[in-house]
């Protein structure tokens, strides 16, 4: 996922699907943004759970993916997640695959206006 999309999906998971998270979002340049979440993502990269790829074209973009260590930890974590929470997580993943980045940003902007 791209950095912008990841930020917005976390906000959507928090607001629509009721995930309890301590990340605070503010209106920002490309829609809602959380500085706490940004620091958390950097920690996941530092800890080797996700990898970060920088792409430079007309704009600079970061994309993220699970490392093999991250995949192992995720599989273990899924075993202890209740069915309702896992279903919510799958809804967020489905939303990300069915919508464009612009649509996700629009949904997130509407959430933060409320």
Protein backbone atom coordinates (compact mmCIF):
# COMPACT_ATOMS: atom_id res chain seq x y z
CA UNK A 1 0.00 0.00 0.00
CA UNK A 2 1.06 3.56 -0.57
CA UNK A 3 1.74 5.77 2.42
CA UNK A 4 -1.25 8.02 1.69
CA UNK A 5 -3.63 5.07 1.26
CA UNK A 6 -2.35 3.37 4.40
CA UNK A 7 -2.95 6.47 6.54
CA UNK A 8 -6.50 6.82 5.24
CA UNK A 9 -7.33 3.11 5.63
CA UNK A 10 -6.24 3.18 9.26
CA UNK A 11 -8.54 6.18 9.86
CA UNK A 12 -11.41 4.34 8.12
CA UNK A 13 -10.76 1.20 10.19
CA UNK A 14 -10.86 3.33 13.33
CA UNK A 15 -13.97 5.34 12.44
CA UNK A 16 -16.20 3.01 10.44
CA UNK A 17 -15.23 -0.40 11.71
CA UNK A 18 -14.66 0.61 15.33
CA UNK A 19 -11.06 -0.41 15.77
CA UNK A 20 -9.60 0.99 18.99
CA UNK A 21 -6.41 2.88 18.12
CA UNK A 22 -4.59 5.73 19.77
CA UNK A 23 -3.66 7.48 16.53
CA UNK A 24 -5.01 11.03 16.29
CA UNK A 25 -5.73 12.36 12.80
CA UNK A 26 -5.73 15.97 11.65
CA UNK A 27 -6.65 17.60 8.33
CA UNK A 28 -3.45 17.77 6.28
CA UNK A 29 -2.11 18.27 2.76
CA UNK A 30 -3.51 15.09 1.19
CA UNK A 31 -6.35 14.47 3.59
CA UNK A 32 -6.35 13.24 7.20
CA UNK A 33 -2.91 12.46 8.60
CA UNK A 34 -1.56 11.05 11.86
CA UNK A 35 1.95 11.90 12.98
CA UNK A 36 1.73 9.11 15.60
CA UNK A 37 0.85 6.59 12.89
CA UNK A 38 3.73 7.82 10.76
CA UNK A 39 6.15 7.23 13.66
CA UNK A 40 4.61 3.79 14.27
CA UNK A 41 5.08 2.83 10.60
CA UNK A 42 8.74 3.95 10.76
CA UNK A 43 9.18 1.72 13.83
CA UNK A 44 7.70 -1.25 11.96
CA UNK A 45 10.22 -0.62 9.17
CA UNK A 46 13.09 -0.30 11.67
CA UNK A 47 12.00 -3.51 13.43
CA UNK A 48 11.98 -5.36 10.09
CA UNK A 49 8.26 -6.16 10.05
CA UNK A 50 7.45 -4.16 6.92
CA UNK A 51 9.61 -2.92 4.08
CA UNK A 52 9.47 0.56 2.63
CA UNK A 53 10.09 1.31 -1.02
CA UNK A 54 10.64 4.84 -2.28
CA UNK A 55 9.52 5.60 -5.83
CA UNK A 56 10.36 8.88 -7.46
CA UNK A 57 8.56 9.99 -10.56
CA UNK A 58 6.65 13.25 -10.78
CA UNK A 59 5.91 12.83 -7.08
CA UNK A 60 7.68 10.94 -4.32
CA UNK A 61 5.74 7.92 -3.11
CA UNK A 62 6.39 5.34 -0.44
CA UNK A 63 4.92 1.88 -0.62
CA UNK A 64 4.91 -0.77 2.08
CA UNK A 65 4.76 -4.53 2.20
CA UNK A 66 5.14 -7.16 4.87
CA UNK A 67 8.56 -8.75 5.24
CA UNK A 68 8.81 -12.50 5.77
CA UNK A 69 9.17 -11.83 9.51
CA UNK A 70 6.08 -9.60 9.38
CA UNK A 71 4.12 -12.36 7.64
CA UNK A 72 5.07 -14.89 10.33
CA UNK A 73 4.03 -12.52 13.12
CA UNK A 74 0.77 -11.67 11.32
CA UNK A 75 -0.13 -15.36 10.93
CA UNK A 76 0.46 -15.88 14.65
CA UNK A 77 -1.55 -12.78 15.56
CA UNK A 78 -4.48 -13.90 13.38
CA UNK A 79 -4.83 -17.00 15.59
CA UNK A 80 -5.62 -14.83 18.62
CA UNK A 81 -7.94 -12.34 16.89
CA UNK A 82 -11.66 -12.90 17.43
CA UNK A 83 -13.83 -13.57 14.38
CA UNK A 84 -15.61 -10.20 14.51
CA UNK A 85 -12.33 -8.27 14.47
CA UNK A 86 -10.94 -10.45 11.70
CA UNK A 87 -14.10 -9.83 9.64
CA UNK A 88 -13.68 -6.07 10.14
CA UNK A 89 -10.07 -6.31 9.02
CA UNK A 90 -11.12 -8.17 5.88
CA UNK A 91 -13.71 -5.44 5.17
CA UNK A 92 -10.96 -2.80 5.29
CA UNK A 93 -8.78 -4.88 2.97
CA UNK A 94 -11.72 -5.38 0.59
CA UNK A 95 -12.43 -1.64 0.64
CA UNK A 96 -8.82 -0.91 -0.32
CA UNK A 97 -9.00 -3.24 -3.30
CA UNK A 98 -12.38 -1.92 -4.54
CA UNK A 99 -11.64 1.81 -4.34
CA UNK A 100 -9.09 4.12 -5.91
CA UNK A 101 -6.75 6.17 -3.77
CA UNK A 102 -8.83 9.27 -4.58
CA UNK A 103 -12.01 7.54 -3.38
CA UNK A 104 -10.32 6.42 -0.17
CA UNK A 105 -9.02 9.96 0.44
CA UNK A 106 -12.54 11.32 -0.11
CA UNK A 107 -14.04 8.87 2.40
CA UNK A 108 -11.35 9.78 4.95
CA UNK A 109 -11.90 13.51 4.44
CA UNK A 110 -15.63 13.06 5.08
CA UNK A 111 -14.88 11.14 8.27
CA UNK A 112 -12.58 13.81 9.67
CA UNK A 113 -15.18 16.54 8.92
CA UNK A 114 -17.66 14.81 11.25
